[in-house]
Amino acid sequence: QALLVKLELKPAAILRDSEPEYRQLHLDRPDTTDAAVLDAIARHPVLLQRPIVVHGARAVVARPPEKVLELV
């Protein structure tokens, strides 16, 4: 949750929706709660977008890699 604060994103925004687990766990449903998304990421780390780069109080999902430039 602290990482999400630094990213300024909701949990669903850091999901990899191309992974089979995303569909299997029905994370595309509009009624999926933030808690359910965080639980899914904890249980299936492959669902987490990466890399995530943290610099101080800010962070970005570094896809594409040029996104890191937003931190400097």
Protein backbone atom coordinates (compact mmCIF):
# COMPACT_ATOMS: atom_id res chain seq x y z
CA GLN A 1 0.00 0.00 0.00
CA ALA A 2 2.89 2.36 0.72
CA LEU A 3 4.22 1.69 -2.76
CA LEU A 4 0.83 2.55 -4.26
CA VAL A 5 0.93 5.89 -2.45
CA LYS A 6 4.30 6.62 -4.04
CA LEU A 7 3.00 5.53 -7.43
CA GLU A 8 -0.21 7.54 -6.98
CA LEU A 9 -2.10 4.61 -8.49
CA LYS A 10 -4.90 2.24 -7.56
CA PRO A 11 -3.97 -1.43 -7.18
CA ALA A 12 -5.64 -2.41 -10.46
CA ALA A 13 -3.27 -0.09 -12.34
CA ILE A 14 -0.25 -2.22 -11.43
CA LEU A 15 -1.71 -5.52 -12.62
CA ARG A 16 -0.35 -7.41 -15.60
CA ASP A 17 -3.58 -8.19 -17.41
CA SER A 18 -1.87 -10.44 -19.94
CA GLU A 19 -1.14 -13.12 -17.35
CA PRO A 20 -3.42 -16.19 -17.21
CA GLU A 21 -3.94 -15.63 -13.48
CA TYR A 22 -5.55 -12.29 -14.23
CA ARG A 23 -8.36 -14.00 -16.13
CA GLN A 24 -8.52 -17.04 -13.86
CA LEU A 25 -9.04 -14.85 -10.80
CA HIS A 26 -11.59 -12.65 -12.63
CA LEU A 27 -9.65 -9.49 -11.79
CA ASP A 28 -11.18 -7.77 -14.82
CA ARG A 29 -14.58 -7.55 -13.11
CA PRO A 30 -15.62 -3.97 -12.29
CA ASP A 31 -16.63 -4.96 -8.75
CA THR A 32 -13.13 -6.23 -7.86
CA THR A 33 -12.01 -4.46 -4.70
CA ASP A 34 -8.59 -2.96 -4.04
CA ALA A 35 -8.15 -5.50 -1.24
CA ALA A 36 -8.86 -8.37 -3.62
CA VAL A 37 -6.30 -7.04 -6.10
CA LEU A 38 -3.64 -6.68 -3.40
CA ASP A 39 -4.39 -10.20 -2.15
CA ALA A 40 -4.07 -11.55 -5.70
CA ILE A 41 -0.71 -9.82 -6.17
CA ALA A 42 0.54 -11.23 -2.85
CA ARG A 43 -0.53 -14.74 -3.82
CA HIS A 44 0.55 -14.46 -7.49
CA PRO A 45 3.51 -12.07 -7.78
CA VAL A 46 3.59 -12.59 -11.55
CA LEU A 47 0.57 -10.24 -11.65
CA LEU A 48 2.64 -7.26 -10.51
CA GLN A 49 3.77 -4.84 -13.21
CA ARG A 50 7.51 -4.48 -13.17
CA PRO A 51 9.93 -2.99 -12.88
CA ILE A 52 8.80 -0.42 -10.35
CA VAL A 53 11.45 2.16 -9.57
CA VAL A 54 11.33 4.08 -6.28
CA HIS A 55 13.14 7.35 -5.67
CA GLY A 56 12.43 9.01 -2.35
CA ALA A 57 8.72 9.65 -1.94
CA ARG A 58 7.89 8.89 -5.58
CA ALA A 59 7.80 5.81 -7.78
CA VAL A 60 6.97 4.84 -11.36
CA VAL A 61 6.20 1.66 -13.24
CA ALA A 62 9.21 1.77 -15.56
CA ARG A 63 7.50 0.51 -18.69
CA PRO A 64 8.79 1.80 -20.99
CA PRO A 65 12.18 2.33 -19.33
CA GLU A 66 12.08 6.06 -20.18
CA LYS A 67 9.42 6.46 -17.46
CA VAL A 68 12.27 6.46 -14.94
CA LEU A 69 13.17 9.94 -16.21
CA GLU A 70 10.01 11.23 -14.51
CA LEU A 71 11.74 10.68 -11.16
CA VAL A 72 14.79 12.83 -11.87
